[in-house]
């Protein structure tokens, strides 16, 4: 990456992983190897890729991982039974259920079935509640936690900043808002959440010092929606037609990068921005979960 305003998520994620290595070594010296279980239901191609990347990172760090793959037609009851077994396994410190789940399985029921102490994805109601209360003892969702680290390690000041979050989802939008409006380090921002029913989205965005784009709409954020000097975090992963590609498609973010990048003070590329941070924060949460067992 050569542009001076790019935030290199790969480089920052590598820093975080390097910081975890001595902590993992210390755990192993005391007879504990951090363990992480992945659960995948069905053969969704993107899910297979995402879990594969996480498995690879675990192996590189020395975190033991196991992957449970269930058929697409698996019942909710069978998945909950598996989670109960994983909750009871003392060698596993973290459990991640890969989204999306089949229609017959309610995601909110599944997330609530993972033991809060092993909920390294940060989706259990206990951990969501701790996030809302500003309690640092809970696990925080990996993608918004990674964005906060990107901001902090790129010297982007959030205190007093106007932040607009595009998207109100439970995975990024809502927890991101909760993190940035807290009273604390790398927070203290004034946060606006915009969504499909928001009027005058352009006006909100033009006011923002920081924009987190997480709507799932290809290249939604255009140059005329931002002010010069804005900081932009692009969370989107969207597949769109591309006749020039061998596959006929290409991946783009929620930001029209080519036209927004020249106006931005800092901006994440896509890929290579937010994505690597999500995995890094998952590893960090897993190490924290293993450390908690030793206390």
Protein backbone atom coordinates (compact mmCIF):
# COMPACT_ATOMS: atom_id res chain seq x y z
CA UNK A 1 0.00 0.00 0.00
CA UNK A 2 1.55 3.26 -1.14
CA UNK A 3 -1.11 5.94 -0.70
CA UNK A 4 -0.32 7.91 2.44
CA UNK A 5 -3.91 8.06 3.62
CA UNK A 6 -4.54 4.29 3.55
CA UNK A 7 -5.04 2.46 6.85
CA UNK A 8 -3.28 -0.87 6.40
CA UNK A 9 -5.46 -3.39 8.23
CA UNK A 10 -3.14 -6.27 7.41
CA UNK A 11 -0.18 -4.56 9.03
CA UNK A 12 -2.10 -3.54 12.16
CA UNK A 13 -3.64 -7.01 12.47
CA UNK A 14 -0.14 -8.50 12.28
CA UNK A 15 0.94 -6.23 15.14
CA UNK A 16 -1.92 -7.47 17.29
CA UNK A 17 -1.15 -11.11 16.50
CA UNK A 18 2.52 -10.54 17.41
CA UNK A 19 1.39 -9.07 20.74
CA UNK A 20 -0.57 -12.26 21.42
CA UNK A 21 2.35 -14.64 20.90
CA UNK A 22 4.04 -14.09 24.30
CA UNK A 23 0.66 -14.35 26.03
CA UNK A 24 0.02 -17.68 24.32
CA UNK A 25 3.51 -18.86 25.27
CA UNK A 26 2.87 -17.89 28.88
CA UNK A 27 -0.35 -19.90 28.89
CA UNK A 28 1.37 -22.94 27.42
CA UNK A 29 4.11 -22.69 30.05
CA UNK A 30 1.36 -23.18 32.61
CA UNK A 31 -0.12 -26.15 30.78
CA UNK A 32 -2.93 -24.35 28.94
CA UNK A 33 -3.22 -24.18 25.16
CA UNK A 34 -5.93 -21.78 24.00
CA UNK A 35 -8.64 -23.71 22.17
CA UNK A 36 -11.22 -22.43 19.70
CA UNK A 37 -14.13 -24.34 18.15
CA UNK A 38 -15.71 -23.33 14.86
CA UNK A 39 -19.21 -24.51 14.01
CA UNK A 40 -20.42 -24.33 10.43
CA UNK A 41 -23.87 -25.44 9.25
CA UNK A 42 -24.10 -26.19 5.55
CA UNK A 43 -21.67 -25.62 2.69
CA UNK A 44 -21.93 -21.87 2.09
CA UNK A 45 -18.81 -21.08 0.00
CA UNK A 46 -18.06 -17.78 1.75
CA UNK A 47 -18.42 -19.39 5.18
CA UNK A 48 -15.95 -22.10 4.20
CA UNK A 49 -13.43 -19.45 3.15
CA UNK A 50 -13.89 -17.38 6.32
CA UNK A 51 -13.53 -20.37 8.64
CA UNK A 52 -10.50 -21.53 6.68
CA UNK A 53 -8.76 -18.19 7.22
CA UNK A 54 -9.47 -18.34 10.94
CA UNK A 55 -8.18 -21.90 11.16
CA UNK A 56 -4.98 -20.84 9.40
CA UNK A 57 -4.44 -17.97 11.83
CA UNK A 58 -5.01 -20.28 14.81
CA UNK A 59 -2.37 -22.67 13.48
CA UNK A 60 0.14 -19.86 12.97
CA UNK A 61 -0.35 -18.63 16.55
CA UNK A 62 -0.42 -21.99 18.29
CA UNK A 63 -4.11 -21.87 19.16
CA UNK A 64 -5.73 -25.30 18.96
CA UNK A 65 -8.79 -25.25 16.73
CA UNK A 66 -11.47 -27.72 15.80
CA UNK A 67 -14.20 -27.34 13.20
CA UNK A 68 -17.59 -28.99 13.44
CA UNK A 69 -19.48 -29.10 10.13
CA UNK A 70 -23.18 -29.95 10.23
CA UNK A 71 -25.50 -30.65 7.28
CA UNK A 72 -27.66 -27.84 5.90
CA UNK A 73 -30.81 -29.58 7.16
CA UNK A 74 -29.57 -29.80 10.76
CA UNK A 75 -32.27 -28.97 13.28
CA UNK A 76 -31.96 -26.21 15.82
CA UNK A 77 -32.16 -28.79 18.59
CA UNK A 78 -29.21 -30.75 17.18
CA UNK A 79 -27.11 -27.62 16.89
CA UNK A 80 -27.95 -26.63 20.47
CA UNK A 81 -26.95 -30.12 21.64
CA UNK A 82 -23.57 -29.73 19.94
CA UNK A 83 -23.06 -26.33 21.58
CA UNK A 84 -23.84 -27.84 24.98
CA UNK A 85 -21.06 -30.39 24.43
CA UNK A 86 -18.62 -27.69 23.34
CA UNK A 87 -19.55 -25.55 26.35
CA UNK A 88 -18.65 -28.48 28.61
CA UNK A 89 -15.28 -29.17 26.94
CA UNK A 90 -12.57 -27.78 29.23
CA UNK A 91 -10.03 -27.75 26.40
CA UNK A 92 -12.08 -25.23 24.44
CA UNK A 93 -11.98 -21.59 25.55
CA UNK A 94 -13.88 -20.06 22.64
CA UNK A 95 -16.78 -21.05 20.39
CA UNK A 96 -17.71 -19.37 17.10
CA UNK A 97 -20.85 -20.23 15.16
CA UNK A 98 -20.29 -19.08 11.61
CA UNK A 99 -23.07 -17.04 10.01
CA UNK A 100 -25.23 -17.34 8.02
CA UNK A 101 -27.34 -20.11 9.51
CA UNK A 102 -30.08 -22.02 7.65
CA UNK A 103 -33.64 -20.71 7.88
CA UNK A 104 -34.80 -23.35 10.33
CA UNK A 105 -32.28 -22.18 12.94
CA UNK A 106 -32.82 -18.96 14.89
CA UNK A 107 -29.54 -17.09 15.20
CA UNK A 108 -30.55 -15.35 18.44
CA UNK A 109 -31.28 -18.70 20.11
CA UNK A 110 -27.96 -20.12 18.99
CA UNK A 111 -25.91 -17.13 20.15
CA UNK A 112 -27.61 -17.25 23.54
CA UNK A 113 -26.73 -20.95 23.86
CA UNK A 114 -22.98 -20.33 23.76
CA UNK A 115 -21.57 -19.95 27.28
CA UNK A 116 -20.82 -16.24 27.87
CA UNK A 117 -17.29 -17.13 29.00
CA UNK A 118 -16.68 -18.83 25.63
CA UNK A 119 -18.58 -16.31 23.50
CA UNK A 120 -15.54 -14.92 21.71
CA UNK A 121 -17.81 -13.51 18.99
CA UNK A 122 -19.44 -11.21 21.56
CA UNK A 123 -23.05 -11.99 20.62
CA UNK A 124 -24.41 -13.54 23.83
CA UNK A 125 -26.96 -11.26 25.58
CA UNK A 126 -24.69 -11.11 28.64
CA UNK A 127 -21.79 -9.77 26.60
CA UNK A 128 -24.06 -7.43 24.63
CA UNK A 129 -25.35 -6.07 27.94
CA UNK A 130 -21.84 -5.57 29.26
CA UNK A 131 -20.94 -3.66 26.11
CA UNK A 132 -23.92 -1.36 26.52
CA UNK A 133 -23.01 -0.75 30.17
CA UNK A 134 -19.36 -0.05 29.37
CA UNK A 135 -18.23 -3.13 31.33
CA UNK A 136 -14.83 -4.17 29.90
CA UNK A 137 -15.03 -7.70 31.31
CA UNK A 138 -17.28 -8.90 28.48
CA UNK A 139 -16.27 -9.98 25.00
CA UNK A 140 -16.93 -7.43 22.28
CA UNK A 141 -17.92 -8.24 18.68
CA UNK A 142 -14.79 -8.65 16.61
CA UNK A 143 -15.47 -6.38 13.64
CA UNK A 144 -16.38 -3.20 15.56
CA UNK A 145 -13.62 -3.92 18.08
CA UNK A 146 -11.22 -4.19 15.16
CA UNK A 147 -12.40 -0.88 13.72
CA UNK A 148 -11.81 0.81 17.06
CA UNK A 149 -8.26 -0.58 17.07
CA UNK A 150 -7.69 0.66 13.54
CA UNK A 151 -8.74 4.14 14.62
CA UNK A 152 -6.62 4.06 17.77
CA UNK A 153 -3.47 2.72 16.10
CA UNK A 154 -3.84 5.18 13.22
CA UNK A 155 -3.98 8.12 15.65
CA UNK A 156 -7.53 9.04 14.66
CA UNK A 157 -9.10 11.04 17.47
CA UNK A 158 -12.63 10.01 18.36
CA UNK A 159 -13.19 12.23 21.38
CA UNK A 160 -15.69 14.89 20.40
CA UNK A 161 -15.82 13.61 16.83
CA UNK A 162 -19.01 13.38 14.81
CA UNK A 163 -19.35 9.73 13.77
CA UNK A 164 -21.89 8.41 11.28
CA UNK A 165 -22.48 4.67 11.13
CA UNK A 166 -24.22 3.46 7.99
CA UNK A 167 -26.13 0.36 9.06
CA UNK A 168 -27.95 -0.72 12.21
CA UNK A 169 -27.08 -4.42 12.26
CA UNK A 170 -26.38 -6.37 15.43
CA UNK A 171 -22.94 -7.48 14.21
CA UNK A 172 -21.43 -4.07 13.35
CA UNK A 173 -23.72 -1.04 13.46
CA UNK A 174 -25.27 -1.22 16.91
CA UNK A 175 -22.17 -2.45 18.80
CA UNK A 176 -19.99 0.06 16.96
CA UNK A 177 -22.25 2.87 18.15
CA UNK A 178 -22.16 1.54 21.71
CA UNK A 179 -18.36 1.40 21.70
CA UNK A 180 -17.76 4.87 20.32
CA UNK A 181 -20.24 6.71 22.52
CA UNK A 182 -18.85 5.26 25.77
CA UNK A 183 -16.95 7.37 28.23
CA UNK A 184 -13.45 6.03 27.83
CA UNK A 185 -10.38 5.52 25.68
CA UNK A 186 -10.88 5.79 21.94
CA UNK A 187 -14.55 6.69 22.42
CA UNK A 188 -16.39 9.84 23.63
CA UNK A 189 -17.79 10.43 20.15
CA UNK A 190 -21.14 11.82 19.09
CA UNK A 191 -22.68 8.96 17.12
CA UNK A 192 -25.45 8.93 14.51
CA UNK A 193 -26.77 5.64 13.11
CA UNK A 194 -28.20 5.89 9.61
CA UNK A 195 -30.26 3.17 7.93
CA UNK A 196 -32.75 2.52 5.16
CA UNK A 197 -35.41 4.76 6.76
CA UNK A 198 -33.10 7.68 7.50
CA UNK A 199 -33.98 10.93 5.77
CA UNK A 200 -31.23 13.07 4.28
CA UNK A 201 -28.46 10.49 4.69
CA UNK A 202 -26.18 12.65 2.55
CA UNK A 203 -26.52 15.57 4.96
CA UNK A 204 -25.66 13.35 7.93
CA UNK A 205 -22.61 11.96 6.16
CA UNK A 206 -21.41 15.39 5.04
CA UNK A 207 -21.30 16.43 8.70
CA UNK A 208 -19.27 13.41 9.82
CA UNK A 209 -15.63 13.40 10.86
CA UNK A 210 -15.65 9.59 10.79
CA UNK A 211 -17.89 7.30 8.72
CA UNK A 212 -18.26 3.57 9.26
CA UNK A 213 -19.92 2.06 6.20
CA UNK A 214 -21.67 -1.20 7.07
CA UNK A 215 -24.91 -1.22 5.09
CA UNK A 216 -24.18 -4.07 2.73
CA UNK A 217 -24.90 -1.88 -0.30
CA UNK A 218 -22.21 -1.91 -3.00
CA UNK A 219 -20.32 1.39 -3.25
CA UNK A 220 -23.09 3.27 -1.45
CA UNK A 221 -20.89 6.06 -0.06
CA UNK A 222 -20.04 8.48 -2.87
CA UNK A 223 -17.73 11.48 -3.06
CA UNK A 224 -20.59 13.96 -2.80
CA UNK A 225 -21.60 12.44 0.55
CA UNK A 226 -18.36 13.21 2.41
CA UNK A 227 -16.45 16.30 3.45
CA UNK A 228 -12.74 16.74 2.82
CA UNK A 229 -10.64 15.28 5.63
CA UNK A 230 -13.14 12.58 6.61
CA UNK A 231 -11.97 9.23 8.01
CA UNK A 232 -13.73 6.31 6.31
CA UNK A 233 -13.95 2.69 7.52
CA UNK A 234 -15.37 0.35 4.87
CA UNK A 235 -16.91 -2.84 6.28
CA UNK A 236 -18.85 -3.95 3.21
CA UNK A 237 -18.26 -7.20 1.35
CA UNK A 238 -20.42 -7.23 -1.78
CA UNK A 239 -20.16 -9.33 -4.92
CA UNK A 240 -21.13 -7.47 -8.09
CA UNK A 241 -21.02 -8.33 -11.81
CA UNK A 242 -17.70 -7.81 -13.58
CA UNK A 243 -17.49 -9.00 -17.18
CA UNK A 244 -13.72 -8.46 -17.16
CA UNK A 245 -13.24 -10.97 -14.34
CA UNK A 246 -12.64 -14.69 -14.93
CA UNK A 247 -15.51 -15.43 -12.54
CA UNK A 248 -17.80 -12.76 -13.97
CA UNK A 249 -17.97 -11.01 -10.59
CA UNK A 250 -15.81 -8.97 -8.24
CA UNK A 251 -15.88 -7.96 -4.58
CA UNK A 252 -16.45 -4.32 -3.64
CA UNK A 253 -17.07 -2.52 -0.37
CA UNK A 254 -19.81 -0.15 0.72
CA UNK A 255 -17.62 2.79 -0.31
CA UNK A 256 -16.98 4.02 -3.85
CA UNK A 257 -13.29 3.89 -3.04
CA UNK A 258 -11.81 5.48 -6.15
CA UNK A 259 -13.83 8.68 -5.76
CA UNK A 260 -13.87 8.90 -1.94
CA UNK A 261 -10.21 8.10 -1.30
CA UNK A 262 -8.82 11.42 -2.65
CA UNK A 263 -11.07 13.35 -0.23
CA UNK A 264 -10.31 11.30 2.87
CA UNK A 265 -7.73 12.03 5.53
CA UNK A 266 -7.62 8.29 6.27
CA UNK A 267 -9.48 5.41 4.63
CA UNK A 268 -9.42 1.62 4.77
CA UNK A 269 -8.88 -0.25 1.51
CA UNK A 270 -11.15 -3.15 0.70
CA UNK A 271 -9.82 -5.80 0.89
CA UNK A 272 -6.96 -5.33 3.33
CA UNK A 273 -8.67 -2.99 5.77
CA UNK A 274 -11.28 -4.14 8.26
CA UNK A 275 -11.31 -7.84 7.34
CA UNK A 276 -7.92 -8.86 8.80
CA UNK A 277 -8.78 -7.02 12.01
CA UNK A 278 -11.90 -9.14 12.57
CA UNK A 279 -9.76 -12.27 12.70
CA UNK A 280 -7.12 -10.61 14.89
CA UNK A 281 -9.72 -9.58 17.45
CA UNK A 282 -11.20 -13.08 17.45
CA UNK A 283 -7.77 -14.43 18.35
CA UNK A 284 -7.40 -11.78 21.05
CA UNK A 285 -10.75 -12.70 22.57
CA UNK A 286 -9.80 -16.39 22.56
CA UNK A 287 -6.54 -15.70 24.37
CA UNK A 288 -8.42 -13.58 26.92
CA UNK A 289 -10.87 -16.43 27.46
CA UNK A 290 -8.02 -18.85 28.11
CA UNK A 291 -6.31 -16.42 30.46
CA UNK A 292 -9.56 -16.05 32.44
CA UNK A 293 -9.52 -19.78 33.18
CA UNK A 294 -6.16 -19.37 34.90
CA UNK A 295 -7.32 -16.71 37.34
